[in-house]
Amino acid sequence: MNGKNRKDIQPGLKVDIVLKQDQRTGKRTTGIVKDILTNSASHPHGIKVRLEDGQVGRVQHIHPGE
């Protein structure tokens, strides 16, 4: 599942995000969603979230069943 639809993402999910400084390289960071920061229903580059450790980025992948 990709992270382009807000309805697919909820706090507590394990996701891979791309941080702002990693957008050029595409390096992903894994963590647990704390807050959803994007208000619209979808976003072409991924829904912006804050992880439990405070990092902010756009969701690239949602880990299934975790």
N, C-alpha and C. Protein backbone atom coordinates (compact mmCIF):
# COMPACT_ATOMS: atom_id res chain seq x y z
N MET A 1 0.85 -1.19 0.00
CA MET A 1 0.00 0.00 0.00
C MET A 1 0.89 1.25 0.00
N ASN A 2 0.55 2.21 -0.85
CA ASN A 2 1.31 3.45 -0.83
C ASN A 2 0.66 4.43 0.15
N GLY A 3 1.29 5.54 0.37
CA GLY A 3 0.81 6.49 1.38
C GLY A 3 0.19 7.73 0.80
N LYS A 4 -0.51 7.60 -0.33
CA LYS A 4 -1.06 8.78 -1.00
C LYS A 4 -2.49 9.11 -0.58
N ASN A 5 -3.17 8.18 0.10
CA ASN A 5 -4.55 8.42 0.55
C ASN A 5 -4.60 8.51 2.07
N ARG A 6 -5.19 9.60 2.55
CA ARG A 6 -5.25 9.85 3.99
C ARG A 6 -6.03 8.75 4.73
N LYS A 7 -7.07 8.21 4.06
CA LYS A 7 -7.92 7.20 4.72
C LYS A 7 -7.16 5.92 5.05
N ASP A 8 -6.03 5.66 4.37
CA ASP A 8 -5.25 4.45 4.61
C ASP A 8 -4.30 4.56 5.80
N ILE A 9 -4.16 5.77 6.34
CA ILE A 9 -3.16 6.03 7.38
C ILE A 9 -3.85 6.40 8.68
N GLN A 10 -3.37 5.80 9.78
CA GLN A 10 -3.89 6.16 11.10
C GLN A 10 -2.77 6.05 12.13
N PRO A 11 -2.90 6.77 13.23
CA PRO A 11 -1.87 6.69 14.27
C PRO A 11 -1.66 5.25 14.73
N GLY A 12 -0.40 4.89 14.95
CA GLY A 12 -0.06 3.55 15.39
C GLY A 12 0.41 2.64 14.27
N LEU A 13 0.23 3.04 13.00
CA LEU A 13 0.69 2.23 11.87
C LEU A 13 2.20 2.35 11.70
N LYS A 14 2.83 1.25 11.28
CA LYS A 14 4.25 1.26 10.93
C LYS A 14 4.38 1.64 9.46
N VAL A 15 5.15 2.69 9.18
CA VAL A 15 5.27 3.20 7.82
C VAL A 15 6.72 3.54 7.49
N ASP A 16 7.00 3.67 6.19
CA ASP A 16 8.26 4.22 5.71
C ASP A 16 7.98 5.62 5.19
N ILE A 17 8.78 6.60 5.63
CA ILE A 17 8.62 7.97 5.15
C ILE A 17 9.91 8.45 4.52
N VAL A 18 9.78 9.51 3.72
CA VAL A 18 10.94 10.22 3.20
C VAL A 18 10.98 11.58 3.88
N LEU A 19 12.08 11.86 4.58
CA LEU A 19 12.26 13.15 5.24
C LEU A 19 12.57 14.21 4.19
N LYS A 20 12.31 15.48 4.53
CA LYS A 20 12.55 16.58 3.59
C LYS A 20 13.98 16.56 3.05
N GLN A 21 14.96 16.37 3.93
CA GLN A 21 16.37 16.40 3.49
C GLN A 21 16.75 15.17 2.67
N ASP A 22 15.91 14.12 2.69
CA ASP A 22 16.21 12.89 1.95
C ASP A 22 15.43 12.78 0.63
N GLN A 23 14.67 13.83 0.26
CA GLN A 23 13.83 13.74 -0.94
C GLN A 23 14.64 13.50 -2.20
N ARG A 24 15.84 14.08 -2.30
CA ARG A 24 16.66 13.90 -3.50
C ARG A 24 17.17 12.46 -3.62
N THR A 25 17.55 11.86 -2.49
CA THR A 25 18.10 10.50 -2.53
C THR A 25 17.02 9.43 -2.44
N GLY A 26 15.87 9.78 -1.86
CA GLY A 26 14.80 8.80 -1.69
C GLY A 26 15.00 7.89 -0.50
N LYS A 27 15.97 8.22 0.37
CA LYS A 27 16.24 7.41 1.56
C LYS A 27 15.01 7.38 2.46
N ARG A 28 14.64 6.19 2.88
CA ARG A 28 13.43 6.03 3.70
C ARG A 28 13.77 5.84 5.17
N THR A 29 12.87 6.31 6.00
CA THR A 29 12.98 6.16 7.45
C THR A 29 11.73 5.42 7.92
N THR A 30 11.91 4.40 8.75
CA THR A 30 10.78 3.62 9.24
C THR A 30 10.40 4.08 10.65
N GLY A 31 9.10 4.13 10.92
CA GLY A 31 8.64 4.51 12.24
C GLY A 31 7.14 4.31 12.39
N ILE A 32 6.64 4.70 13.56
CA ILE A 32 5.23 4.56 13.90
C ILE A 32 4.57 5.93 13.82
N VAL A 33 3.42 6.02 13.13
CA VAL A 33 2.71 7.29 12.96
C VAL A 33 2.17 7.78 14.30
N LYS A 34 2.46 9.06 14.60
CA LYS A 34 1.88 9.70 15.79
C LYS A 34 0.76 10.65 15.37
N ASP A 35 1.04 11.53 14.39
CA ASP A 35 0.06 12.51 13.92
C ASP A 35 0.03 12.53 12.40
N ILE A 36 -1.16 12.80 11.84
CA ILE A 36 -1.29 13.01 10.40
C ILE A 36 -1.35 14.52 10.18
N LEU A 37 -0.43 15.04 9.36
CA LEU A 37 -0.31 16.49 9.19
C LEU A 37 -0.99 17.01 7.92
N THR A 38 -1.24 16.15 6.93
CA THR A 38 -1.91 16.56 5.71
C THR A 38 -3.42 16.55 5.94
N ASN A 39 -4.08 17.67 5.59
CA ASN A 39 -5.52 17.76 5.80
C ASN A 39 -6.34 17.23 4.63
N SER A 40 -5.78 17.28 3.41
CA SER A 40 -6.54 16.85 2.24
C SER A 40 -6.66 15.32 2.20
N ALA A 41 -7.61 14.84 1.41
CA ALA A 41 -7.88 13.40 1.33
C ALA A 41 -6.74 12.62 0.69
N SER A 42 -5.98 13.28 -0.21
CA SER A 42 -4.86 12.61 -0.85
C SER A 42 -3.79 13.63 -1.22
N HIS A 43 -2.59 13.13 -1.51
CA HIS A 43 -1.48 13.99 -1.93
C HIS A 43 -0.59 13.18 -2.87
N PRO A 44 -0.19 13.75 -4.02
CA PRO A 44 0.57 12.98 -5.00
C PRO A 44 1.95 12.51 -4.54
N HIS A 45 2.54 13.18 -3.56
CA HIS A 45 3.86 12.79 -3.06
C HIS A 45 3.80 12.04 -1.74
N GLY A 46 2.60 11.78 -1.25
CA GLY A 46 2.44 11.05 0.01
C GLY A 46 1.90 11.95 1.11
N ILE A 47 1.15 11.36 2.01
CA ILE A 47 0.57 12.09 3.14
C ILE A 47 1.68 12.42 4.13
N LYS A 48 1.71 13.67 4.60
CA LYS A 48 2.73 14.09 5.56
C LYS A 48 2.31 13.67 6.97
N VAL A 49 3.23 13.02 7.68
CA VAL A 49 2.96 12.55 9.04
C VAL A 49 4.12 12.90 9.97
N ARG A 50 3.82 12.87 11.27
CA ARG A 50 4.86 12.97 12.30
C ARG A 50 4.96 11.60 12.95
N LEU A 51 6.19 11.09 13.05
CA LEU A 51 6.41 9.81 13.70
C LEU A 51 6.48 9.99 15.21
N GLU A 52 6.42 8.90 15.95
CA GLU A 52 6.48 8.97 17.42
C GLU A 52 7.78 9.58 17.92
N ASP A 53 8.87 9.46 17.13
CA ASP A 53 10.15 10.05 17.55
C ASP A 53 10.29 11.51 17.13
N GLY A 54 9.23 12.09 16.52
CA GLY A 54 9.23 13.50 16.18
C GLY A 54 9.62 13.85 14.75
N GLN A 55 10.11 12.88 13.98
CA GLN A 55 10.50 13.15 12.60
C GLN A 55 9.26 13.33 11.73
N VAL A 56 9.37 14.24 10.75
CA VAL A 56 8.24 14.56 9.86
C VAL A 56 8.64 14.25 8.43
N GLY A 57 7.74 13.58 7.71
CA GLY A 57 8.00 13.27 6.30
C GLY A 57 6.76 12.76 5.63
N ARG A 58 6.91 12.41 4.35
CA ARG A 58 5.79 11.92 3.56
C ARG A 58 5.83 10.40 3.46
N VAL A 59 4.65 9.78 3.67
CA VAL A 59 4.54 8.32 3.67
C VAL A 59 4.78 7.76 2.26
N GLN A 60 5.71 6.81 2.16
CA GLN A 60 6.00 6.14 0.90
C GLN A 60 5.48 4.71 0.89
N HIS A 61 5.40 4.09 2.06
CA HIS A 61 4.98 2.69 2.14
C HIS A 61 4.35 2.44 3.51
N ILE A 62 3.26 1.67 3.50
CA ILE A 62 2.62 1.25 4.75
C ILE A 62 2.90 -0.24 4.94
N HIS A 63 3.46 -0.61 6.09
CA HIS A 63 3.76 -2.01 6.36
C HIS A 63 2.47 -2.75 6.66
N PRO A 64 2.14 -3.80 5.89
CA PRO A 64 0.88 -4.52 6.09
C PRO A 64 0.86 -5.34 7.37
N GLY A 65 -0.28 -5.34 8.03
CA GLY A 65 -0.51 -6.19 9.19
C GLY A 65 0.36 -5.92 10.39
N GLU A 66 0.86 -4.70 10.52
CA GLU A 66 1.71 -4.38 11.69
C GLU A 66 1.12 -3.21 12.45
